[in-house]
């Protein structure tokens, strides 16, 4: 088994974040790659940059080149179900928009998590360990958990994503919160992923995401968008789903005519990207090469990204809105 080396990361899934991020004050200009934010070597580290290191092996479904994959025979029908004029939207931005992620060292203490919804489909820890390496700061500081509320609060998807950078292990929680009265971490579900492996969740199991997939590798992340090229697919939501196909493992809907969990959408190669800022071109080119993977029910064509103060939604929102469902094809379902 190949050993991967990581700088770090925490993770959280999206789909429940506010729908219209406002234009933020932007400490660095995304259109100017010469002005990146300085790296912070502290540990734990929020929004840590992975450099050129991929999440999961190169042949993983998140990282596979689908630019020449066959189109599904029902592609037009699926796109029509979504709505051909439906526009895309960046489901990320400065706090509290998007999903945060954090990197920790292998020595970060593991703390037990009580699963209150999907305990039988959740991982207690990694390879016999009991617990997740949740930084203590997540109890009292904002932006460790999706939604921005210290300790998670009680509303929203509240994804909490953590990467053990030393061992290359990803820990993801859904509906995470610190229960003050009981003095314990609780979550709806949780999943642990060995980042050197292509192992899927057991058939019929969920994860911290509805489709049973990992969340972090599907986030649009600021540093890699700025640096380019982006070499992985992105997570996307649609309003209704119908079953699931590989690589997903879990169904969360049965709406006739809707896309299944795990379906791949690919931005058409004919879409002209030249008018967009370079970092947005990097994001959209990834949609042409690696695509979008349907991972949850939510708003149609909402593409999930990281919570990061450096995002500029006054650029992102109109750029994404220029993409419609008709600009995408559906790759043959279950293609690998």
C-alpha atoms as a PDB file:
ATOM      1  CA  UNK A   1       0.000   0.000   0.000  1.00  0.00           C
ATOM      2  CA  UNK A   2       1.454   3.324  -1.051  1.00  0.00           C
ATOM      3  CA  UNK A   3       2.112   5.709   1.811  1.00  0.00           C
ATOM      4  CA  UNK A   4       1.030   9.315   1.228  1.00  0.00           C
ATOM      5  CA  UNK A   5       2.565  12.350   2.878  1.00  0.00           C
ATOM      6  CA  UNK A   6       0.250  15.184   3.870  1.00  0.00           C
ATOM      7  CA  UNK A   7       0.600  18.748   5.067  1.00  0.00           C
ATOM      8  CA  UNK A   8      -2.925  18.639   6.674  1.00  0.00           C
ATOM      9  CA  UNK A   9      -6.650  19.336   6.466  1.00  0.00           C
ATOM     10  CA  UNK A  10     -10.112  19.151   8.121  1.00  0.00           C
ATOM     11  CA  UNK A  11     -13.239  18.606   6.273  1.00  0.00           C
ATOM     12  CA  UNK A  12     -16.881  19.269   6.228  1.00  0.00           C
ATOM     13  CA  UNK A  13     -19.626  18.756   3.671  1.00  0.00           C
ATOM     14  CA  UNK A  14     -21.976  21.277   2.321  1.00  0.00           C
ATOM     15  CA  UNK A  15     -25.374  21.731   0.768  1.00  0.00           C
ATOM     16  CA  UNK A  16     -26.944  23.333   3.788  1.00  0.00           C
ATOM     17  CA  UNK A  17     -25.024  26.595   3.713  1.00  0.00           C
ATOM     18  CA  UNK A  18     -26.774  29.883   2.906  1.00  0.00           C
ATOM     19  CA  UNK A  19     -27.663  30.209  -0.754  1.00  0.00           C
ATOM     20  CA  UNK A  20     -26.498  33.721  -1.568  1.00  0.00           C
ATOM     21  CA  UNK A  21     -23.103  34.656  -0.112  1.00  0.00           C
ATOM     22  CA  UNK A  22     -22.541  38.382  -0.230  1.00  0.00           C
ATOM     23  CA  UNK A  23     -19.396  39.928  -1.592  1.00  0.00           C
ATOM     24  CA  UNK A  24     -16.783  39.819   1.186  1.00  0.00           C
ATOM     25  CA  UNK A  25     -13.903  41.991   2.086  1.00  0.00           C
ATOM     26  CA  UNK A  26     -11.031  40.078   0.541  1.00  0.00           C
ATOM     27  CA  UNK A  27      -7.621  40.026   2.221  1.00  0.00           C
ATOM     28  CA  UNK A  28      -5.986  38.702  -0.934  1.00  0.00           C
ATOM     29  CA  UNK A  29      -6.966  39.117  -4.557  1.00  0.00           C
ATOM     30  CA  UNK A  30      -7.882  35.769  -6.133  1.00  0.00           C
ATOM     31  CA  UNK A  31      -7.197  37.208  -9.571  1.00  0.00           C
ATOM     32  CA  UNK A  32      -3.586  37.826  -8.596  1.00  0.00           C
ATOM     33  CA  UNK A  33      -1.603  34.607  -8.004  1.00  0.00           C
ATOM     34  CA  UNK A  34       1.389  36.676  -6.928  1.00  0.00           C
ATOM     35  CA  UNK A  35      -0.444  37.697  -3.757  1.00  0.00           C
ATOM     36  CA  UNK A  36      -1.239  34.449  -1.917  1.00  0.00           C
ATOM     37  CA  UNK A  37      -2.012  34.425   1.772  1.00  0.00           C
ATOM     38  CA  UNK A  38       1.003  33.470   3.893  1.00  0.00           C
ATOM     39  CA  UNK A  39       1.125  29.887   5.090  1.00  0.00           C
ATOM     40  CA  UNK A  40       0.533  29.229   8.758  1.00  0.00           C
ATOM     41  CA  UNK A  41       2.565  26.351  10.213  1.00  0.00           C
ATOM     42  CA  UNK A  42       0.471  26.177  13.390  1.00  0.00           C
ATOM     43  CA  UNK A  43      -1.126  22.912  14.433  1.00  0.00           C
ATOM     44  CA  UNK A  44      -4.052  22.319  14.197  1.00  0.00           C
ATOM     45  CA  UNK A  45      -4.340  24.374  11.029  1.00  0.00           C
ATOM     46  CA  UNK A  46      -7.581  25.416   9.397  1.00  0.00           C
ATOM     47  CA  UNK A  47      -7.734  25.555   5.595  1.00  0.00           C
ATOM     48  CA  UNK A  48      -4.304  24.008   5.222  1.00  0.00           C
ATOM     49  CA  UNK A  49      -2.885  23.851   1.728  1.00  0.00           C
ATOM     50  CA  UNK A  50      -2.123  20.422   0.269  1.00  0.00           C
ATOM     51  CA  UNK A  51       0.286  21.704  -2.352  1.00  0.00           C
ATOM     52  CA  UNK A  52       0.335  19.310  -5.305  1.00  0.00           C
ATOM     53  CA  UNK A  53      -0.489  16.239  -3.207  1.00  0.00           C
ATOM     54  CA  UNK A  54      -3.693  14.497  -4.301  1.00  0.00           C
ATOM     55  CA  UNK A  55      -6.333  13.251  -1.894  1.00  0.00           C
ATOM     56  CA  UNK A  56      -6.682   9.506  -2.527  1.00  0.00           C
ATOM     57  CA  UNK A  57      -4.740   7.598  -5.212  1.00  0.00           C
ATOM     58  CA  UNK A  58      -4.577   8.952  -8.788  1.00  0.00           C
ATOM     59  CA  UNK A  59      -7.045   6.314 -10.030  1.00  0.00           C
ATOM     60  CA  UNK A  60      -9.664   7.155  -7.406  1.00  0.00           C
ATOM     61  CA  UNK A  61     -13.081   8.278  -8.688  1.00  0.00           C
ATOM     62  CA  UNK A  62     -12.432  11.804  -7.418  1.00  0.00           C
ATOM     63  CA  UNK A  63      -9.218  12.018  -9.442  1.00  0.00           C
ATOM     64  CA  UNK A  64     -10.034  10.196 -12.692  1.00  0.00           C
ATOM     65  CA  UNK A  65      -9.981  11.987 -16.046  1.00  0.00           C
ATOM     66  CA  UNK A  66     -13.494  11.653 -17.490  1.00  0.00           C
ATOM     67  CA  UNK A  67     -12.991  13.964 -20.469  1.00  0.00           C
ATOM     68  CA  UNK A  68     -13.358  11.036 -22.904  1.00  0.00           C
ATOM     69  CA  UNK A  69     -15.906   9.020 -20.906  1.00  0.00           C
ATOM     70  CA  UNK A  70     -19.102   8.050 -22.787  1.00  0.00           C
ATOM     71  CA  UNK A  71     -22.269  10.095 -22.356  1.00  0.00           C
ATOM     72  CA  UNK A  72     -25.230   8.354 -20.741  1.00  0.00           C
ATOM     73  CA  UNK A  73     -28.085   7.552 -23.150  1.00  0.00           C
ATOM     74  CA  UNK A  74     -30.464   9.416 -20.815  1.00  0.00           C
ATOM     75  CA  UNK A  75     -28.213  12.457 -20.411  1.00  0.00           C
ATOM     76  CA  UNK A  76     -30.624  14.887 -22.087  1.00  0.00           C
ATOM     77  CA  UNK A  77     -33.524  13.630 -19.967  1.00  0.00           C
ATOM     78  CA  UNK A  78     -31.544  14.045 -16.754  1.00  0.00           C
ATOM     79  CA  UNK A  79     -30.474  17.559 -17.713  1.00  0.00           C
ATOM     80  CA  UNK A  80     -34.072  18.442 -18.559  1.00  0.00           C
ATOM     81  CA  UNK A  81     -35.166  17.150 -15.142  1.00  0.00           C
ATOM     82  CA  UNK A  82     -32.728  19.521 -13.474  1.00  0.00           C
ATOM     83  CA  UNK A  83     -33.864  22.307 -15.813  1.00  0.00           C
ATOM     84  CA  UNK A  84     -31.816  23.266 -18.840  1.00  0.00           C
ATOM     85  CA  UNK A  85     -31.670  26.943 -17.845  1.00  0.00           C
ATOM     86  CA  UNK A  86     -30.863  26.217 -14.206  1.00  0.00           C
ATOM     87  CA  UNK A  87     -27.665  28.060 -13.327  1.00  0.00           C
ATOM     88  CA  UNK A  88     -24.765  26.840 -11.207  1.00  0.00           C
ATOM     89  CA  UNK A  89     -23.864  28.429  -7.882  1.00  0.00           C
ATOM     90  CA  UNK A  90     -20.725  28.403  -5.705  1.00  0.00           C
ATOM     91  CA  UNK A  91     -21.874  26.959  -2.381  1.00  0.00           C
ATOM     92  CA  UNK A  92     -18.860  28.433  -0.620  1.00  0.00           C
ATOM     93  CA  UNK A  93     -17.230  31.707   0.298  1.00  0.00           C
ATOM     94  CA  UNK A  94     -15.973  33.554   3.384  1.00  0.00           C
ATOM     95  CA  UNK A  95     -17.334  32.370   6.765  1.00  0.00           C
ATOM     96  CA  UNK A  96     -19.981  31.150   7.362  1.00  0.00           C
ATOM     97  CA  UNK A  97     -20.326  29.904   3.752  1.00  0.00           C
ATOM     98  CA  UNK A  98     -18.833  26.610   2.643  1.00  0.00           C
ATOM     99  CA  UNK A  99     -17.274  23.716   4.513  1.00  0.00           C
ATOM    100  CA  UNK A 100     -14.188  24.229   6.699  1.00  0.00           C
ATOM    101  CA  UNK A 101     -11.444  21.647   7.036  1.00  0.00           C
ATOM    102  CA  UNK A 102      -8.545  21.253   9.445  1.00  0.00           C
ATOM    103  CA  UNK A 103      -5.256  19.404   9.510  1.00  0.00           C
ATOM    104  CA  UNK A 104      -3.824  17.849  12.660  1.00  0.00           C
ATOM    105  CA  UNK A 105      -0.769  15.822  13.595  1.00  0.00           C
ATOM    106  CA  UNK A 106      -0.805  12.122  14.368  1.00  0.00           C
ATOM    107  CA  UNK A 107      -0.434  12.942  18.068  1.00  0.00           C
ATOM    108  CA  UNK A 108      -3.730  14.851  18.263  1.00  0.00           C
ATOM    109  CA  UNK A 109      -5.742  13.082  21.006  1.00  0.00           C
ATOM    110  CA  UNK A 110      -8.622  10.907  19.812  1.00  0.00           C
ATOM    111  CA  UNK A 111     -11.918  11.703  21.505  1.00  0.00           C
ATOM    112  CA  UNK A 112     -14.968   9.419  21.375  1.00  0.00           C
ATOM    113  CA  UNK A 113     -18.022  10.497  19.375  1.00  0.00           C
ATOM    114  CA  UNK A 114     -21.579   9.426  20.190  1.00  0.00           C
ATOM    115  CA  UNK A 115     -23.544   8.776  16.978  1.00  0.00           C
ATOM    116  CA  UNK A 116     -27.200   9.655  17.432  1.00  0.00           C
ATOM    117  CA  UNK A 117     -28.661   8.841  13.997  1.00  0.00           C
ATOM    118  CA  UNK A 118     -26.642   6.382  11.895  1.00  0.00           C
ATOM    119  CA  UNK A 119     -24.557   4.629  14.516  1.00  0.00           C
ATOM    120  CA  UNK A 120     -24.705   1.238  12.796  1.00  0.00           C
ATOM    121  CA  UNK A 121     -23.227   2.780   9.616  1.00  0.00           C
ATOM    122  CA  UNK A 122     -20.621   4.951  11.339  1.00  0.00           C
ATOM    123  CA  UNK A 123     -16.926   4.344  12.098  1.00  0.00           C
ATOM    124  CA  UNK A 124     -15.884   4.585  15.746  1.00  0.00           C
ATOM    125  CA  UNK A 125     -12.314   5.381  14.690  1.00  0.00           C
ATOM    126  CA  UNK A 126      -9.461   4.255  12.464  1.00  0.00           C
ATOM    127  CA  UNK A 127      -8.382   0.601  12.473  1.00  0.00           C
ATOM    128  CA  UNK A 128      -9.538  -0.313  15.944  1.00  0.00           C
ATOM    129  CA  UNK A 129      -8.976   3.068  17.538  1.00  0.00           C
ATOM    130  CA  UNK A 130     -11.892   4.696  19.319  1.00  0.00           C
ATOM    131  CA  UNK A 131     -12.314   8.359  18.566  1.00  0.00           C
ATOM    132  CA  UNK A 132     -11.702  11.214  16.177  1.00  0.00           C
ATOM    133  CA  UNK A 133      -8.837  13.766  16.444  1.00  0.00           C
ATOM    134  CA  UNK A 134     -11.138  16.735  17.065  1.00  0.00           C
ATOM    135  CA  UNK A 135      -9.151  19.806  18.138  1.00  0.00           C
ATOM    136  CA  UNK A 136     -10.260  21.109  21.512  1.00  0.00           C
ATOM    137  CA  UNK A 137     -10.643  24.573  19.958  1.00  0.00           C
ATOM    138  CA  UNK A 138     -13.651  23.321  17.970  1.00  0.00           C
ATOM    139  CA  UNK A 139     -15.693  23.463  21.183  1.00  0.00           C
ATOM    140  CA  UNK A 140     -15.293  27.202  21.649  1.00  0.00           C
ATOM    141  CA  UNK A 141     -13.963  28.778  18.454  1.00  0.00           C
ATOM    142  CA  UNK A 142     -15.915  29.487  15.240  1.00  0.00           C
ATOM    143  CA  UNK A 143     -15.356  28.024  11.766  1.00  0.00           C
ATOM    144  CA  UNK A 144     -14.110  24.570  12.700  1.00  0.00           C
ATOM    145  CA  UNK A 145     -17.581  23.182  11.964  1.00  0.00           C
ATOM    146  CA  UNK A 146     -19.752  23.990   8.949  1.00  0.00           C
ATOM    147  CA  UNK A 147     -22.042  26.903   9.743  1.00  0.00           C
ATOM    148  CA  UNK A 148     -19.379  28.775  11.699  1.00  0.00           C
ATOM    149  CA  UNK A 149     -20.914  28.274  15.171  1.00  0.00           C
ATOM    150  CA  UNK A 150     -18.479  27.321  17.983  1.00  0.00           C
ATOM    151  CA  UNK A 151     -19.242  23.776  19.061  1.00  0.00           C
ATOM    152  CA  UNK A 152     -21.487  23.262  16.045  1.00  0.00           C
ATOM    153  CA  UNK A 153     -24.794  24.555  17.365  1.00  0.00           C
ATOM    154  CA  UNK A 154     -28.002  22.716  16.490  1.00  0.00           C
ATOM    155  CA  UNK A 155     -28.858  23.711  12.900  1.00  0.00           C
ATOM    156  CA  UNK A 156     -27.600  22.770   9.460  1.00  0.00           C
ATOM    157  CA  UNK A 157     -25.393  19.947   8.204  1.00  0.00           C
ATOM    158  CA  UNK A 158     -22.539  20.857  10.579  1.00  0.00           C
ATOM    159  CA  UNK A 159     -19.859  18.854   8.791  1.00  0.00           C
ATOM    160  CA  UNK A 160     -16.562  18.565  10.614  1.00  0.00           C
ATOM    161  CA  UNK A 161     -13.645  17.403   8.445  1.00  0.00           C
ATOM    162  CA  UNK A 162     -10.227  16.523   9.821  1.00  0.00           C
ATOM    163  CA  UNK A 163      -7.074  15.140   8.214  1.00  0.00           C
ATOM    164  CA  UNK A 164      -4.374  13.404  10.229  1.00  0.00           C
ATOM    165  CA  UNK A 165      -1.502  14.701   8.112  1.00  0.00           C
ATOM    166  CA  UNK A 166       1.063  12.275   9.544  1.00  0.00           C
ATOM    167  CA  UNK A 167      -0.858   9.090   8.828  1.00  0.00           C
ATOM    168  CA  UNK A 168      -2.885  10.210   5.807  1.00  0.00           C
ATOM    169  CA  UNK A 169      -6.286   9.542   7.365  1.00  0.00           C
ATOM    170  CA  UNK A 170      -9.450  11.564   6.797  1.00  0.00           C
ATOM    171  CA  UNK A 171     -12.115  11.833   9.517  1.00  0.00           C
ATOM    172  CA  UNK A 172     -15.515  13.262   8.604  1.00  0.00           C
ATOM    173  CA  UNK A 173     -18.583  13.916  10.762  1.00  0.00           C
ATOM    174  CA  UNK A 174     -22.132  14.957   9.891  1.00  0.00           C
ATOM    175  CA  UNK A 175     -24.279  17.005  12.308  1.00  0.00           C
ATOM    176  CA  UNK A 176     -21.365  17.380  14.714  1.00  0.00           C
ATOM    177  CA  UNK A 177     -21.796  19.257  17.975  1.00  0.00           C
ATOM    178  CA  UNK A 178     -20.262  19.558  21.401  1.00  0.00           C
ATOM    179  CA  UNK A 179     -22.963  18.669  23.940  1.00  0.00           C
ATOM    180  CA  UNK A 180     -22.067  20.887  26.873  1.00  0.00           C
ATOM    181  CA  UNK A 181     -24.546  19.357  29.320  1.00  0.00           C
ATOM    182  CA  UNK A 182     -23.296  15.817  28.672  1.00  0.00           C
ATOM    183  CA  UNK A 183     -19.668  16.759  28.105  1.00  0.00           C
ATOM    184  CA  UNK A 184     -19.344  14.788  24.877  1.00  0.00           C
ATOM    185  CA  UNK A 185     -19.061  15.103  21.114  1.00  0.00           C
ATOM    186  CA  UNK A 186     -22.125  13.943  19.190  1.00  0.00           C
ATOM    187  CA  UNK A 187     -22.779  13.476  15.474  1.00  0.00           C
ATOM    188  CA  UNK A 188     -25.424  12.091  13.178  1.00  0.00           C
ATOM    189  CA  UNK A 189     -22.903   9.917  11.364  1.00  0.00           C
ATOM    190  CA  UNK A 190     -19.182   9.581  10.831  1.00  0.00           C
ATOM    191  CA  UNK A 191     -16.765   7.979   8.388  1.00  0.00           C
ATOM    192  CA  UNK A 192     -13.009   7.424   8.351  1.00  0.00           C
ATOM    193  CA  UNK A 193     -11.021   7.124   5.108  1.00  0.00           C
ATOM    194  CA  UNK A 194      -7.496   5.841   4.507  1.00  0.00           C
ATOM    195  CA  UNK A 195      -6.226   8.342   1.938  1.00  0.00           C
ATOM    196  CA  UNK A 196      -3.887   5.740   0.412  1.00  0.00           C
ATOM    197  CA  UNK A 197      -6.811   3.418  -0.415  1.00  0.00           C
ATOM    198  CA  UNK A 198      -9.693   3.281  -2.916  1.00  0.00           C
ATOM    199  CA  UNK A 199     -11.908   1.317  -0.542  1.00  0.00           C
ATOM    200  CA  UNK A 200     -15.585   2.273  -0.725  1.00  0.00           C
ATOM    201  CA  UNK A 201     -18.056   2.340   2.122  1.00  0.00           C
ATOM    202  CA  UNK A 202     -19.933  -0.942   2.632  1.00  0.00           C
ATOM    203  CA  UNK A 203     -22.839  -1.263   0.205  1.00  0.00           C
ATOM    204  CA  UNK A 204     -25.884   0.524   1.606  1.00  0.00           C
ATOM    205  CA  UNK A 205     -23.896   2.592   4.106  1.00  0.00           C
ATOM    206  CA  UNK A 206     -23.878   6.355   4.301  1.00  0.00           C
ATOM    207  CA  UNK A 207     -20.873   8.436   5.402  1.00  0.00           C
ATOM    208  CA  UNK A 208     -20.773  12.044   6.581  1.00  0.00           C
ATOM    209  CA  UNK A 209     -22.308  12.699   3.153  1.00  0.00           C
ATOM    210  CA  UNK A 210     -25.582  11.295   1.861  1.00  0.00           C
ATOM    211  CA  UNK A 211     -23.968   9.384  -1.016  1.00  0.00           C
ATOM    212  CA  UNK A 212     -21.523   7.508   1.222  1.00  0.00           C
ATOM    213  CA  UNK A 213     -18.570   9.373  -0.293  1.00  0.00           C
ATOM    214  CA  UNK A 214     -15.823  11.442   1.303  1.00  0.00           C
ATOM    215  CA  UNK A 215     -16.427  15.200   1.251  1.00  0.00           C
ATOM    216  CA  UNK A 216     -12.995  16.811   1.428  1.00  0.00           C
ATOM    217  CA  UNK A 217     -11.631  15.568  -1.911  1.00  0.00           C
ATOM    218  CA  UNK A 218     -14.649  17.114  -3.666  1.00  0.00           C
ATOM    219  CA  UNK A 219     -14.309  20.629  -2.259  1.00  0.00           C
ATOM    220  CA  UNK A 220     -13.303  23.602  -4.392  1.00  0.00           C
ATOM    221  CA  UNK A 221     -10.300  24.846  -2.393  1.00  0.00           C
ATOM    222  CA  UNK A 222      -8.813  28.317  -2.648  1.00  0.00           C
ATOM    223  CA  UNK A 223      -5.089  27.503  -2.779  1.00  0.00           C
ATOM    224  CA  UNK A 224      -5.341  24.904  -5.535  1.00  0.00           C
ATOM    225  CA  UNK A 225      -7.719  27.081  -7.583  1.00  0.00           C
ATOM    226  CA  UNK A 226      -5.238  29.934  -7.394  1.00  0.00           C
ATOM    227  CA  UNK A 227      -2.257  27.715  -8.173  1.00  0.00           C
ATOM    228  CA  UNK A 228      -3.891  25.460 -10.778  1.00  0.00           C
ATOM    229  CA  UNK A 229      -4.446  23.140 -12.404  1.00  0.00           C
ATOM    230  CA  UNK A 230      -7.114  21.479 -10.273  1.00  0.00           C
ATOM    231  CA  UNK A 231      -6.921  17.699 -10.708  1.00  0.00           C
ATOM    232  CA  UNK A 232     -10.108  16.328  -9.152  1.00  0.00           C
ATOM    233  CA  UNK A 233     -13.881  16.370  -9.407  1.00  0.00           C
ATOM    234  CA  UNK A 234     -16.128  18.548  -7.261  1.00  0.00           C
ATOM    235  CA  UNK A 235     -19.090  17.735  -5.051  1.00  0.00           C
ATOM    236  CA  UNK A 236     -22.468  18.958  -6.335  1.00  0.00           C
ATOM    237  CA  UNK A 237     -26.044  18.795  -5.062  1.00  0.00           C
ATOM    238  CA  UNK A 238     -29.366  18.482  -6.877  1.00  0.00           C
ATOM    239  CA  UNK A 239     -32.861  18.949  -5.476  1.00  0.00           C
ATOM    240  CA  UNK A 240     -33.890  15.279  -5.836  1.00  0.00           C
ATOM    241  CA  UNK A 241     -32.091  11.983  -6.406  1.00  0.00           C
ATOM    242  CA  UNK A 242     -33.105   8.475  -7.411  1.00  0.00           C
ATOM    243  CA  UNK A 243     -31.068   5.614  -5.913  1.00  0.00           C
ATOM    244  CA  UNK A 244     -27.316   5.441  -6.342  1.00  0.00           C
ATOM    245  CA  UNK A 245     -24.623   4.211  -8.729  1.00  0.00           C
ATOM    246  CA  UNK A 246     -20.908   3.530  -8.301  1.00  0.00           C
ATOM    247  CA  UNK A 247     -18.945   5.100  -6.640  1.00  0.00           C
ATOM    248  CA  UNK A 248     -21.738   6.055  -4.225  1.00  0.00           C
ATOM    249  CA  UNK A 249     -22.950   3.495  -1.682  1.00  0.00           C
ATOM    250  CA  UNK A 250     -26.131   5.034  -0.292  1.00  0.00           C
ATOM    251  CA  UNK A 251     -29.477   6.220  -1.607  1.00  0.00           C
ATOM    252  CA  UNK A 252     -31.360   9.201  -0.163  1.00  0.00           C
ATOM    253  CA  UNK A 253     -34.246   9.514  -2.581  1.00  0.00           C
ATOM    254  CA  UNK A 254     -36.402   7.754  -5.134  1.00  0.00           C
ATOM    255  CA  UNK A 255     -37.703  10.505  -7.395  1.00  0.00           C
ATOM    256  CA  UNK A 256     -38.378   9.112 -10.866  1.00  0.00           C
ATOM    257  CA  UNK A 257     -36.347  10.877 -13.539  1.00  0.00           C
ATOM    258  CA  UNK A 258     -33.817  12.345 -11.103  1.00  0.00           C
ATOM    259  CA  UNK A 259     -30.086  11.689 -11.154  1.00  0.00           C
ATOM    260  CA  UNK A 260     -28.782   8.992  -8.799  1.00  0.00           C
ATOM    261  CA  UNK A 261     -26.216   9.630  -6.102  1.00  0.00           C
ATOM    262  CA  UNK A 262     -22.768   9.104  -7.606  1.00  0.00           C
ATOM    263  CA  UNK A 263     -23.741  10.398 -11.055  1.00  0.00           C
ATOM    264  CA  UNK A 264     -21.069  12.383 -12.910  1.00  0.00           C
ATOM    265  CA  UNK A 265     -21.770  15.640 -14.722  1.00  0.00           C
ATOM    266  CA  UNK A 266     -19.149  16.962 -17.143  1.00  0.00           C
ATOM    267  CA  UNK A 267     -18.914  20.543 -18.378  1.00  0.00           C
ATOM    268  CA  UNK A 268     -18.882  20.531 -22.177  1.00  0.00           C
ATOM    269  CA  UNK A 269     -15.457  21.075 -23.736  1.00  0.00           C
ATOM    270  CA  UNK A 270     -17.037  23.612 -26.095  1.00  0.00           C
ATOM    271  CA  UNK A 271     -17.760  26.008 -23.221  1.00  0.00           C
ATOM    272  CA  UNK A 272     -15.554  29.090 -23.689  1.00  0.00           C
ATOM    273  CA  UNK A 273     -13.714  29.867 -20.448  1.00  0.00           C
ATOM    274  CA  UNK A 274     -11.409  32.599 -21.734  1.00  0.00           C
ATOM    275  CA  UNK A 275     -13.312  35.548 -20.251  1.00  0.00           C
ATOM    276  CA  UNK A 276     -13.015  34.377 -16.651  1.00  0.00           C
ATOM    277  CA  UNK A 277     -10.224  35.197 -14.165  1.00  0.00           C
ATOM    278  CA  UNK A 278      -7.458  32.555 -14.230  1.00  0.00           C
ATOM    279  CA  UNK A 279      -8.407  30.969 -10.902  1.00  0.00           C
ATOM    280  CA  UNK A 280     -12.017  30.540 -12.067  1.00  0.00           C
ATOM    281  CA  UNK A 281     -10.775  29.078 -15.346  1.00  0.00           C
ATOM    282  CA  UNK A 282      -8.889  26.508 -13.253  1.00  0.00           C
ATOM    283  CA  UNK A 283     -12.114  25.564 -11.456  1.00  0.00           C
ATOM    284  CA  UNK A 284     -14.151  25.298 -14.648  1.00  0.00           C
ATOM    285  CA  UNK A 285     -11.465  23.325 -16.513  1.00  0.00           C
ATOM    286  CA  UNK A 286     -11.594  20.770 -13.703  1.00  0.00           C
ATOM    287  CA  UNK A 287     -15.326  20.464 -14.398  1.00  0.00           C
ATOM    288  CA  UNK A 288     -14.467  19.658 -18.035  1.00  0.00           C
ATOM    289  CA  UNK A 289     -11.806  17.063 -17.176  1.00  0.00           C
ATOM    290  CA  UNK A 290     -12.918  15.562 -13.829  1.00  0.00           C
ATOM    291  CA  UNK A 291     -16.547  16.657 -13.558  1.00  0.00           C
ATOM    292  CA  UNK A 292     -19.041  17.028 -10.734  1.00  0.00           C
ATOM    293  CA  UNK A 293     -20.166  14.103  -8.572  1.00  0.00           C
ATOM    294  CA  UNK A 294     -23.740  14.142  -7.215  1.00  0.00           C
ATOM    295  CA  UNK A 295     -23.274  13.643  -3.473  1.00  0.00           C
ATOM    296  CA  UNK A 296     -26.333  15.037  -1.694  1.00  0.00           C
ATOM    297  CA  UNK A 297     -29.839  16.424  -2.012  1.00  0.00           C
ATOM    298  CA  UNK A 298     -29.895  20.205  -1.910  1.00  0.00           C
ATOM    299  CA  UNK A 299     -30.218  23.027  -4.405  1.00  0.00           C
ATOM    300  CA  UNK A 300     -29.686  22.193  -8.071  1.00  0.00           C
ATOM    301  CA  UNK A 301     -26.126  22.683  -9.332  1.00  0.00           C
ATOM    302  CA  UNK A 302     -24.752  24.013  -6.062  1.00  0.00           C
ATOM    303  CA  UNK A 303     -21.030  23.219  -6.172  1.00  0.00           C
ATOM    304  CA  UNK A 304     -19.434  22.705  -2.764  1.00  0.00           C
ATOM    305  CA  UNK A 305     -16.247  24.445  -1.720  1.00  0.00           C
ATOM    306  CA  UNK A 306     -14.204  25.381   1.291  1.00  0.00           C
ATOM    307  CA  UNK A 307     -15.016  28.062   3.814  1.00  0.00           C
ATOM    308  CA  UNK A 308     -12.208  30.554   3.231  1.00  0.00           C
ATOM    309  CA  UNK A 309     -12.017  34.308   3.896  1.00  0.00           C
ATOM    310  CA  UNK A 310     -10.046  34.779   0.674  1.00  0.00           C
ATOM    311  CA  UNK A 311     -12.886  33.837  -1.689  1.00  0.00           C
ATOM    312  CA  UNK A 312     -14.346  36.746  -3.660  1.00  0.00           C
ATOM    313  CA  UNK A 313     -18.035  36.067  -4.274  1.00  0.00           C
ATOM    314  CA  UNK A 314     -18.436  39.211  -6.357  1.00  0.00           C
ATOM    315  CA  UNK A 315     -16.365  37.331  -8.964  1.00  0.00           C
ATOM    316  CA  UNK A 316     -17.485  33.768  -8.220  1.00  0.00           C
ATOM    317  CA  UNK A 317     -21.263  34.282  -8.206  1.00  0.00           C
ATOM    318  CA  UNK A 318     -21.635  35.781 -11.704  1.00  0.00           C
ATOM    319  CA  UNK A 319     -19.078  33.376 -13.155  1.00  0.00           C
ATOM    320  CA  UNK A 320     -20.913  30.310 -11.861  1.00  0.00           C
ATOM    321  CA  UNK A 321     -24.247  31.814 -12.898  1.00  0.00           C
ATOM    322  CA  UNK A 322     -22.987  31.842 -16.487  1.00  0.00           C
ATOM    323  CA  UNK A 323     -23.013  28.023 -16.402  1.00  0.00           C
ATOM    324  CA  UNK A 324     -26.388  26.367 -16.990  1.00  0.00           C
ATOM    325  CA  UNK A 325     -27.428  22.729 -16.767  1.00  0.00           C
ATOM    326  CA  UNK A 326     -27.485  22.669 -20.577  1.00  0.00           C
ATOM    327  CA  UNK A 327     -23.710  23.241 -20.527  1.00  0.00           C
ATOM    328  CA  UNK A 328     -23.241  19.795 -18.946  1.00  0.00           C
ATOM    329  CA  UNK A 329     -23.482  16.182 -20.075  1.00  0.00           C
ATOM    330  CA  UNK A 330     -24.165  13.222 -17.800  1.00  0.00           C
ATOM    331  CA  UNK A 331     -21.447  10.584 -18.066  1.00  0.00           C
ATOM    332  CA  UNK A 332     -22.655   6.997 -18.460  1.00  0.00           C
ATOM    333  CA  UNK A 333     -23.975   6.026 -15.035  1.00  0.00           C
ATOM    334  CA  UNK A 334     -21.552   3.900 -13.034  1.00  0.00           C
ATOM    335  CA  UNK A 335     -18.743   4.437 -15.546  1.00  0.00           C
ATOM    336  CA  UNK A 336     -15.251   3.643 -14.232  1.00  0.00           C
END
